[in-house]
């Protein structure tokens, strides 16, 4: 998931150069699928240690920010909470 998040600036640049918003849409769809798999396999609230819990919370926050930003660029509003 971290590697996918790391690609965000590259995806934005590619979408800009190609003037193709579907590049962002495809990226955000893939990121959402990856996050879903991560969240299903790794407990955040009941992590094995406090350190792992904090790391997973940070990943969740960062992913939420990237999803929010991507969707905003596409003109799609996202809910505050799910």
PDB file of N, CA and C in Angstrom:
ATOM      1  N   UNK A   1       0.826  -1.175   0.000  1.00  0.00           N
ATOM      2  CA  UNK A   1       0.000   0.000   0.000  1.00  0.00           C
ATOM      3  C   UNK A   1       0.879   1.250   0.000  1.00  0.00           C
ATOM      4  N   UNK A   2       1.969   1.204   0.727  1.00  0.00           N
ATOM      5  CA  UNK A   2       2.861   2.355   0.787  1.00  0.00           C
ATOM      6  C   UNK A   2       3.422   2.668  -0.601  1.00  0.00           C
ATOM      7  N   UNK A   3       3.774   1.636  -1.340  1.00  0.00           N
ATOM      8  CA  UNK A   3       4.302   1.845  -2.689  1.00  0.00           C
ATOM      9  C   UNK A   3       3.251   2.495  -3.595  1.00  0.00           C
ATOM     10  N   UNK A   4       2.012   2.116  -3.428  1.00  0.00           N
ATOM     11  CA  UNK A   4       0.937   2.728  -4.204  1.00  0.00           C
ATOM     12  C   UNK A   4       0.759   4.190  -3.857  1.00  0.00           C
ATOM     13  N   UNK A   5       0.810   4.506  -2.564  1.00  0.00           N
ATOM     14  CA  UNK A   5       0.682   5.895  -2.124  1.00  0.00           C
ATOM     15  C   UNK A   5       1.839   6.740  -2.637  1.00  0.00           C
ATOM     16  N   UNK A   6       2.992   6.136  -2.720  1.00  0.00           N
ATOM     17  CA  UNK A   6       4.183   6.842  -3.179  1.00  0.00           C
ATOM     18  C   UNK A   6       4.053   7.279  -4.645  1.00  0.00           C
ATOM     19  N   UNK A   7       3.233   6.584  -5.411  1.00  0.00           N
ATOM     20  CA  UNK A   7       3.062   6.881  -6.837  1.00  0.00           C
ATOM     21  C   UNK A   7       2.120   8.061  -7.099  1.00  0.00           C
ATOM     22  N   UNK A   8       1.465   8.561  -6.081  1.00  0.00           N
ATOM     23  CA  UNK A   8       0.456   9.605  -6.269  1.00  0.00           C
ATOM     24  C   UNK A   8       0.972  10.819  -7.047  1.00  0.00           C
ATOM     25  N   UNK A   9       2.107  11.408  -6.683  1.00  0.00           N
ATOM     26  CA  UNK A   9       2.589  12.567  -7.454  1.00  0.00           C
ATOM     27  C   UNK A   9       2.868  12.237  -8.925  1.00  0.00           C
ATOM     28  N   UNK A  10       3.349  11.041  -9.182  1.00  0.00           N
ATOM     29  CA  UNK A  10       3.635  10.611 -10.549  1.00  0.00           C
ATOM     30  C   UNK A  10       2.327  10.485 -11.340  1.00  0.00           C
ATOM     31  N   UNK A  11       1.312   9.933 -10.694  1.00  0.00           N
ATOM     32  CA  UNK A  11      -0.001   9.786 -11.328  1.00  0.00           C
ATOM     33  C   UNK A  11      -0.583  11.157 -11.670  1.00  0.00           C
ATOM     34  N   UNK A  12      -0.472  12.093 -10.738  1.00  0.00           N
ATOM     35  CA  UNK A  12      -0.983  13.437 -10.993  1.00  0.00           C
ATOM     36  C   UNK A  12      -0.262  14.083 -12.177  1.00  0.00           C
ATOM     37  N   UNK A  13       1.031  13.914 -12.227  1.00  0.00           N
ATOM     38  CA  UNK A  13       1.808  14.486 -13.325  1.00  0.00           C
ATOM     39  C   UNK A  13       1.431  13.840 -14.650  1.00  0.00           C
ATOM     40  N   UNK A  14       1.270  12.532 -14.649  1.00  0.00           N
ATOM     41  CA  UNK A  14       0.879  11.825 -15.865  1.00  0.00           C
ATOM     42  C   UNK A  14      -0.494  12.288 -16.346  1.00  0.00           C
ATOM     43  N   UNK A  15      -1.439  12.416 -15.433  1.00  0.00           N
ATOM     44  CA  UNK A  15      -2.784  12.876 -15.796  1.00  0.00           C
ATOM     45  C   UNK A  15      -2.730  14.290 -16.372  1.00  0.00           C
ATOM     46  N   UNK A  16      -1.885  15.122 -15.800  1.00  0.00           N
ATOM     47  CA  UNK A  16      -1.743  16.494 -16.286  1.00  0.00           C
ATOM     48  C   UNK A  16      -1.148  16.517 -17.688  1.00  0.00           C
ATOM     49  N   UNK A  17      -0.075  15.778 -17.880  1.00  0.00           N
ATOM     50  CA  UNK A  17       0.595  15.766 -19.175  1.00  0.00           C
ATOM     51  C   UNK A  17      -0.296  15.208 -20.280  1.00  0.00           C
ATOM     52  N   UNK A  18      -1.048  14.167 -19.953  1.00  0.00           N
ATOM     53  CA  UNK A  18      -1.921  13.532 -20.938  1.00  0.00           C
ATOM     54  C   UNK A  18      -3.290  14.204 -21.014  1.00  0.00           C
ATOM     55  N   UNK A  19      -3.542  15.121 -20.075  1.00  0.00           N
ATOM     56  CA  UNK A  19      -4.875  15.742 -19.952  1.00  0.00           C
ATOM     57  C   UNK A  19      -5.951  14.649 -19.920  1.00  0.00           C
ATOM     58  N   UNK A  20      -5.720  13.692 -19.026  1.00  0.00           N
ATOM     59  CA  UNK A  20      -6.549  12.494 -18.962  1.00  0.00           C
ATOM     60  C   UNK A  20      -6.913  12.189 -17.512  1.00  0.00           C
ATOM     61  N   UNK A  21      -8.093  12.617 -17.050  1.00  0.00           N
ATOM     62  CA  UNK A  21      -8.465  12.363 -15.658  1.00  0.00           C
ATOM     63  C   UNK A  21      -8.694  10.892 -15.325  1.00  0.00           C
ATOM     64  N   UNK A  22      -8.849  10.052 -16.354  1.00  0.00           N
ATOM     65  CA  UNK A  22      -9.050   8.627 -16.062  1.00  0.00           C
ATOM     66  C   UNK A  22      -7.813   8.006 -15.422  1.00  0.00           C
ATOM     67  N   UNK A  23      -6.653   8.612 -15.609  1.00  0.00           N
ATOM     68  CA  UNK A  23      -5.433   8.128 -14.951  1.00  0.00           C
ATOM     69  C   UNK A  23      -5.617   8.225 -13.435  1.00  0.00           C
ATOM     70  N   UNK A  24      -6.181   9.340 -12.979  1.00  0.00           N
ATOM     71  CA  UNK A  24      -6.442   9.525 -11.543  1.00  0.00           C
ATOM     72  C   UNK A  24      -7.528   8.556 -11.084  1.00  0.00           C
ATOM     73  N   UNK A  25      -8.582   8.417 -11.884  1.00  0.00           N
ATOM     74  CA  UNK A  25      -9.690   7.515 -11.524  1.00  0.00           C
ATOM     75  C   UNK A  25      -9.193   6.081 -11.371  1.00  0.00           C
ATOM     76  N   UNK A  26      -8.371   5.625 -12.294  1.00  0.00           N
ATOM     77  CA  UNK A  26      -7.831   4.260 -12.206  1.00  0.00           C
ATOM     78  C   UNK A  26      -6.937   4.102 -10.983  1.00  0.00           C
ATOM     79  N   UNK A  27      -6.127   5.112 -10.715  1.00  0.00           N
ATOM     80  CA  UNK A  27      -5.254   5.065  -9.543  1.00  0.00           C
ATOM     81  C   UNK A  27      -6.067   4.983  -8.256  1.00  0.00           C
ATOM     82  N   UNK A  28      -7.067   5.847  -8.126  1.00  0.00           N
ATOM     83  CA  UNK A  28      -7.835   5.895  -6.881  1.00  0.00           C
ATOM     84  C   UNK A  28      -8.639   4.599  -6.685  1.00  0.00           C
ATOM     85  N   UNK A  29      -9.111   4.011  -7.772  1.00  0.00           N
ATOM     86  CA  UNK A  29      -9.824   2.734  -7.673  1.00  0.00           C
ATOM     87  C   UNK A  29      -8.878   1.636  -7.174  1.00  0.00           C
ATOM     88  N   UNK A  30      -7.685   1.585  -7.738  1.00  0.00           N
ATOM     89  CA  UNK A  30      -6.703   0.594  -7.298  1.00  0.00           C
ATOM     90  C   UNK A  30      -6.280   0.803  -5.854  1.00  0.00           C
ATOM     91  N   UNK A  31      -6.102   2.070  -5.468  1.00  0.00           N
ATOM     92  CA  UNK A  31      -5.724   2.374  -4.087  1.00  0.00           C
ATOM     93  C   UNK A  31      -6.824   1.950  -3.118  1.00  0.00           C
ATOM     94  N   UNK A  32      -8.068   2.200  -3.479  1.00  0.00           N
ATOM     95  CA  UNK A  32      -9.186   1.804  -2.617  1.00  0.00           C
ATOM     96  C   UNK A  32      -9.244   0.284  -2.456  1.00  0.00           C
ATOM     97  N   UNK A  33      -9.006  -0.449  -3.531  1.00  0.00           N
ATOM     98  CA  UNK A  33      -8.987  -1.915  -3.447  1.00  0.00           C
ATOM     99  C   UNK A  33      -7.840  -2.389  -2.560  1.00  0.00           C
ATOM    100  N   UNK A  34      -6.676  -1.777  -2.723  1.00  0.00           N
ATOM    101  CA  UNK A  34      -5.519  -2.160  -1.912  1.00  0.00           C
ATOM    102  C   UNK A  34      -5.767  -1.856  -0.439  1.00  0.00           C
ATOM    103  N   UNK A  35      -6.339  -0.687  -0.162  1.00  0.00           N
ATOM    104  CA  UNK A  35      -6.636  -0.325   1.223  1.00  0.00           C
ATOM    105  C   UNK A  35      -7.655  -1.290   1.823  1.00  0.00           C
ATOM    106  N   UNK A  36      -8.658  -1.663   1.057  1.00  0.00           N
ATOM    107  CA  UNK A  36      -9.667  -2.599   1.550  1.00  0.00           C
ATOM    108  C   UNK A  36      -9.019  -3.927   1.952  1.00  0.00           C
ATOM    109  N   UNK A  37      -8.117  -4.419   1.140  1.00  0.00           N
ATOM    110  CA  UNK A  37      -7.413  -5.674   1.458  1.00  0.00           C
ATOM    111  C   UNK A  37      -6.565  -5.498   2.715  1.00  0.00           C
ATOM    112  N   UNK A  38      -5.862  -4.372   2.805  1.00  0.00           N
ATOM    113  CA  UNK A  38      -5.046  -4.084   3.995  1.00  0.00           C
ATOM    114  C   UNK A  38      -5.913  -4.056   5.252  1.00  0.00           C
ATOM    115  N   UNK A  39      -7.020  -3.337   5.189  1.00  0.00           N
ATOM    116  CA  UNK A  39      -7.884  -3.165   6.354  1.00  0.00           C
ATOM    117  C   UNK A  39      -8.533  -4.488   6.756  1.00  0.00           C
ATOM    118  N   UNK A  40      -8.815  -5.335   5.789  1.00  0.00           N
ATOM    119  CA  UNK A  40      -9.407  -6.647   6.070  1.00  0.00           C
ATOM    120  C   UNK A  40      -8.408  -7.568   6.773  1.00  0.00           C
ATOM    121  N   UNK A  41      -7.159  -7.499   6.361  1.00  0.00           N
ATOM    122  CA  UNK A  41      -6.142  -8.412   6.892  1.00  0.00           C
ATOM    123  C   UNK A  41      -5.454  -7.936   8.168  1.00  0.00           C
ATOM    124  N   UNK A  42      -5.422  -6.627   8.398  1.00  0.00           N
ATOM    125  CA  UNK A  42      -4.660  -6.081   9.524  1.00  0.00           C
ATOM    126  C   UNK A  42      -5.557  -5.253  10.428  1.00  0.00           C
ATOM    127  N   UNK A  43      -5.753  -5.729  11.637  1.00  0.00           N
ATOM    128  CA  UNK A  43      -6.555  -4.993  12.600  1.00  0.00           C
ATOM    129  C   UNK A  43      -5.839  -3.703  12.982  1.00  0.00           C
ATOM    130  N   UNK A  44      -6.573  -2.604  12.947  1.00  0.00           N
ATOM    131  CA  UNK A  44      -5.989  -1.318  13.321  1.00  0.00           C
ATOM    132  C   UNK A  44      -6.206  -1.071  14.806  1.00  0.00           C
ATOM    133  N   UNK A  45      -7.430  -1.155  15.253  1.00  0.00           N
ATOM    134  CA  UNK A  45      -7.754  -0.887  16.654  1.00  0.00           C
ATOM    135  C   UNK A  45      -7.217  -1.928  17.625  1.00  0.00           C
ATOM    136  N   UNK A  46      -7.066  -3.149  17.154  1.00  0.00           N
ATOM    137  CA  UNK A  46      -6.592  -4.235  18.018  1.00  0.00           C
ATOM    138  C   UNK A  46      -5.250  -4.771  17.529  1.00  0.00           C
ATOM    139  N   UNK A  47      -4.377  -3.870  17.137  1.00  0.00           N
ATOM    140  CA  UNK A  47      -3.050  -4.262  16.645  1.00  0.00           C
ATOM    141  C   UNK A  47      -2.256  -4.930  17.762  1.00  0.00           C
ATOM    142  N   UNK A  48      -1.251  -5.670  17.365  1.00  0.00           N
ATOM    143  CA  UNK A  48      -0.441  -6.442  18.307  1.00  0.00           C
ATOM    144  C   UNK A  48       0.329  -5.561  19.289  1.00  0.00           C
ATOM    145  N   UNK A  49       0.662  -4.354  18.881  1.00  0.00           N
ATOM    146  CA  UNK A  49       1.390  -3.447  19.759  1.00  0.00           C
ATOM    147  C   UNK A  49       0.926  -2.016  19.486  1.00  0.00           C
ATOM    148  N   UNK A  50       1.241  -1.130  20.408  1.00  0.00           N
ATOM    149  CA  UNK A  50       0.867   0.277  20.241  1.00  0.00           C
ATOM    150  C   UNK A  50       1.589   0.882  19.040  1.00  0.00           C
ATOM    151  N   UNK A  51       2.821   0.474  18.826  1.00  0.00           N
ATOM    152  CA  UNK A  51       3.597   0.977  17.683  1.00  0.00           C
ATOM    153  C   UNK A  51       2.925   0.603  16.361  1.00  0.00           C
ATOM    154  N   UNK A  52       2.507  -0.655  16.244  1.00  0.00           N
ATOM    155  CA  UNK A  52       1.818  -1.096  15.026  1.00  0.00           C
ATOM    156  C   UNK A  52       0.494  -0.375  14.867  1.00  0.00           C
ATOM    157  N   UNK A  53      -0.200  -0.168  15.962  1.00  0.00           N
ATOM    158  CA  UNK A  53      -1.470   0.543  15.906  1.00  0.00           C
ATOM    159  C   UNK A  53      -1.276   1.960  15.377  1.00  0.00           C
ATOM    160  N   UNK A  54      -0.274   2.658  15.875  1.00  0.00           N
ATOM    161  CA  UNK A  54      -0.019   4.029  15.431  1.00  0.00           C
ATOM    162  C   UNK A  54       0.404   4.066  13.963  1.00  0.00           C
ATOM    163  N   UNK A  55       1.234   3.114  13.548  1.00  0.00           N
ATOM    164  CA  UNK A  55       1.650   3.050  12.152  1.00  0.00           C
ATOM    165  C   UNK A  55       0.445   2.807  11.245  1.00  0.00           C
ATOM    166  N   UNK A  56      -0.407   1.882  11.626  1.00  0.00           N
ATOM    167  CA  UNK A  56      -1.594   1.580  10.816  1.00  0.00           C
ATOM    168  C   UNK A  56      -2.563   2.761  10.782  1.00  0.00           C
ATOM    169  N   UNK A  57      -2.692   3.462  11.895  1.00  0.00           N
ATOM    170  CA  UNK A  57      -3.533   4.657  11.910  1.00  0.00           C
ATOM    171  C   UNK A  57      -2.982   5.723  10.970  1.00  0.00           C
ATOM    172  N   UNK A  58      -1.677   5.899  10.969  1.00  0.00           N
ATOM    173  CA  UNK A  58      -1.055   6.873  10.063  1.00  0.00           C
ATOM    174  C   UNK A  58      -1.280   6.472   8.604  1.00  0.00           C
ATOM    175  N   UNK A  59      -1.148   5.191   8.298  1.00  0.00           N
ATOM    176  CA  UNK A  59      -1.421   4.723   6.939  1.00  0.00           C
ATOM    177  C   UNK A  59      -2.871   4.981   6.541  1.00  0.00           C
ATOM    178  N   UNK A  60      -3.782   4.751   7.477  1.00  0.00           N
ATOM    179  CA  UNK A  60      -5.200   5.012   7.213  1.00  0.00           C
ATOM    180  C   UNK A  60      -5.441   6.490   6.940  1.00  0.00           C
ATOM    181  N   UNK A  61      -4.849   7.349   7.753  1.00  0.00           N
ATOM    182  CA  UNK A  61      -5.023   8.794   7.569  1.00  0.00           C
ATOM    183  C   UNK A  61      -4.438   9.250   6.234  1.00  0.00           C
ATOM    184  N   UNK A  62      -3.241   8.787   5.933  1.00  0.00           N
ATOM    185  CA  UNK A  62      -2.591   9.189   4.700  1.00  0.00           C
ATOM    186  C   UNK A  62      -3.393   8.704   3.490  1.00  0.00           C
ATOM    187  N   UNK A  63      -3.866   7.474   3.552  1.00  0.00           N
ATOM    188  CA  UNK A  63      -4.676   6.932   2.465  1.00  0.00           C
ATOM    189  C   UNK A  63      -5.962   7.738   2.313  1.00  0.00           C
ATOM    190  N   UNK A  64      -6.604   8.063   3.425  1.00  0.00           N
ATOM    191  CA  UNK A  64      -7.827   8.869   3.371  1.00  0.00           C
ATOM    192  C   UNK A  64      -7.559  10.229   2.725  1.00  0.00           C
ATOM    193  N   UNK A  65      -6.432  10.841   3.049  1.00  0.00           N
ATOM    194  CA  UNK A  65      -6.085  12.135   2.460  1.00  0.00           C
ATOM    195  C   UNK A  65      -5.872  12.025   0.947  1.00  0.00           C
ATOM    196  N   UNK A  66      -5.186  10.992   0.518  1.00  0.00           N
ATOM    197  CA  UNK A  66      -4.939  10.806  -0.912  1.00  0.00           C
ATOM    198  C   UNK A  66      -6.247  10.499  -1.641  1.00  0.00           C
ATOM    199  N   UNK A  67      -7.090   9.661  -1.043  1.00  0.00           N
ATOM    200  CA  UNK A  67      -8.390   9.373  -1.659  1.00  0.00           C
ATOM    201  C   UNK A  67      -9.227  10.639  -1.760  1.00  0.00           C
ATOM    202  N   UNK A  68      -9.259  11.424  -0.682  1.00  0.00           N
ATOM    203  CA  UNK A  68     -10.025  12.681  -0.669  1.00  0.00           C
ATOM    204  C   UNK A  68      -9.507  13.622  -1.751  1.00  0.00           C
ATOM    205  N   UNK A  69      -8.207  13.791  -1.825  1.00  0.00           N
ATOM    206  CA  UNK A  69      -7.598  14.687  -2.804  1.00  0.00           C
ATOM    207  C   UNK A  69      -7.895  14.223  -4.229  1.00  0.00           C
ATOM    208  N   UNK A  70      -7.730  12.940  -4.480  1.00  0.00           N
ATOM    209  CA  UNK A  70      -7.975  12.394  -5.820  1.00  0.00           C
ATOM    210  C   UNK A  70      -9.419  12.588  -6.232  1.00  0.00           C
ATOM    211  N   UNK A  71     -10.322  12.264  -5.343  1.00  0.00           N
ATOM    212  CA  UNK A  71     -11.740  12.390  -5.658  1.00  0.00           C
ATOM    213  C   UNK A  71     -12.117  13.852  -5.872  1.00  0.00           C
ATOM    214  N   UNK A  72     -11.530  14.736  -5.100  1.00  0.00           N
ATOM    215  CA  UNK A  72     -11.787  16.164  -5.255  1.00  0.00           C
ATOM    216  C   UNK A  72     -11.337  16.643  -6.635  1.00  0.00           C
ATOM    217  N   UNK A  73     -10.180  16.177  -7.075  1.00  0.00           N
ATOM    218  CA  UNK A  73      -9.693  16.542  -8.407  1.00  0.00           C
ATOM    219  C   UNK A  73     -10.627  16.055  -9.509  1.00  0.00           C
ATOM    220  N   UNK A  74     -11.330  14.965  -9.240  1.00  0.00           N
ATOM    221  CA  UNK A  74     -12.280  14.418 -10.203  1.00  0.00           C
ATOM    222  C   UNK A  74     -13.662  15.047 -10.057  1.00  0.00           C
ATOM    223  N   UNK A  75     -13.811  15.929  -9.066  1.00  0.00           N
ATOM    224  CA  UNK A  75     -15.097  16.595  -8.855  1.00  0.00           C
ATOM    225  C   UNK A  75     -16.108  15.745  -8.116  1.00  0.00           C
ATOM    226  N   UNK A  76     -15.617  14.779  -7.344  1.00  0.00           N
ATOM    227  CA  UNK A  76     -16.491  13.865  -6.608  1.00  0.00           C
ATOM    228  C   UNK A  76     -16.345  14.146  -5.116  1.00  0.00           C
ATOM    229  N   UNK A  77     -17.472  14.391  -4.450  1.00  0.00           N
ATOM    230  CA  UNK A  77     -17.438  14.602  -3.007  1.00  0.00           C
ATOM    231  C   UNK A  77     -17.436  13.252  -2.292  1.00  0.00           C
ATOM    232  N   UNK A  78     -16.689  13.200  -1.185  1.00  0.00           N
ATOM    233  CA  UNK A  78     -16.642  11.974  -0.399  1.00  0.00           C
ATOM    234  C   UNK A  78     -17.235  12.255   0.977  1.00  0.00           C
ATOM    235  N   UNK A  79     -17.822  11.243   1.611  1.00  0.00           N
ATOM    236  CA  UNK A  79     -18.384  11.455   2.945  1.00  0.00           C
ATOM    237  C   UNK A  79     -17.276  11.664   3.978  1.00  0.00           C
ATOM    238  N   UNK A  80     -17.611  12.380   5.036  1.00  0.00           N
ATOM    239  CA  UNK A  80     -16.659  12.607   6.129  1.00  0.00           C
ATOM    240  C   UNK A  80     -16.295  11.294   6.813  1.00  0.00           C
ATOM    241  N   UNK A  81     -17.284  10.447   7.030  1.00  0.00           N
ATOM    242  CA  UNK A  81     -17.085   9.162   7.725  1.00  0.00           C
ATOM    243  C   UNK A  81     -17.827   8.083   7.010  1.00  0.00           C
ATOM    244  N   UNK A  82     -17.316   6.870   7.188  1.00  0.00           N
ATOM    245  CA  UNK A  82     -18.026   5.712   6.653  1.00  0.00           C
ATOM    246  C   UNK A  82     -18.151   4.687   7.738  1.00  0.00           C
TER     247      UNK A  82
END
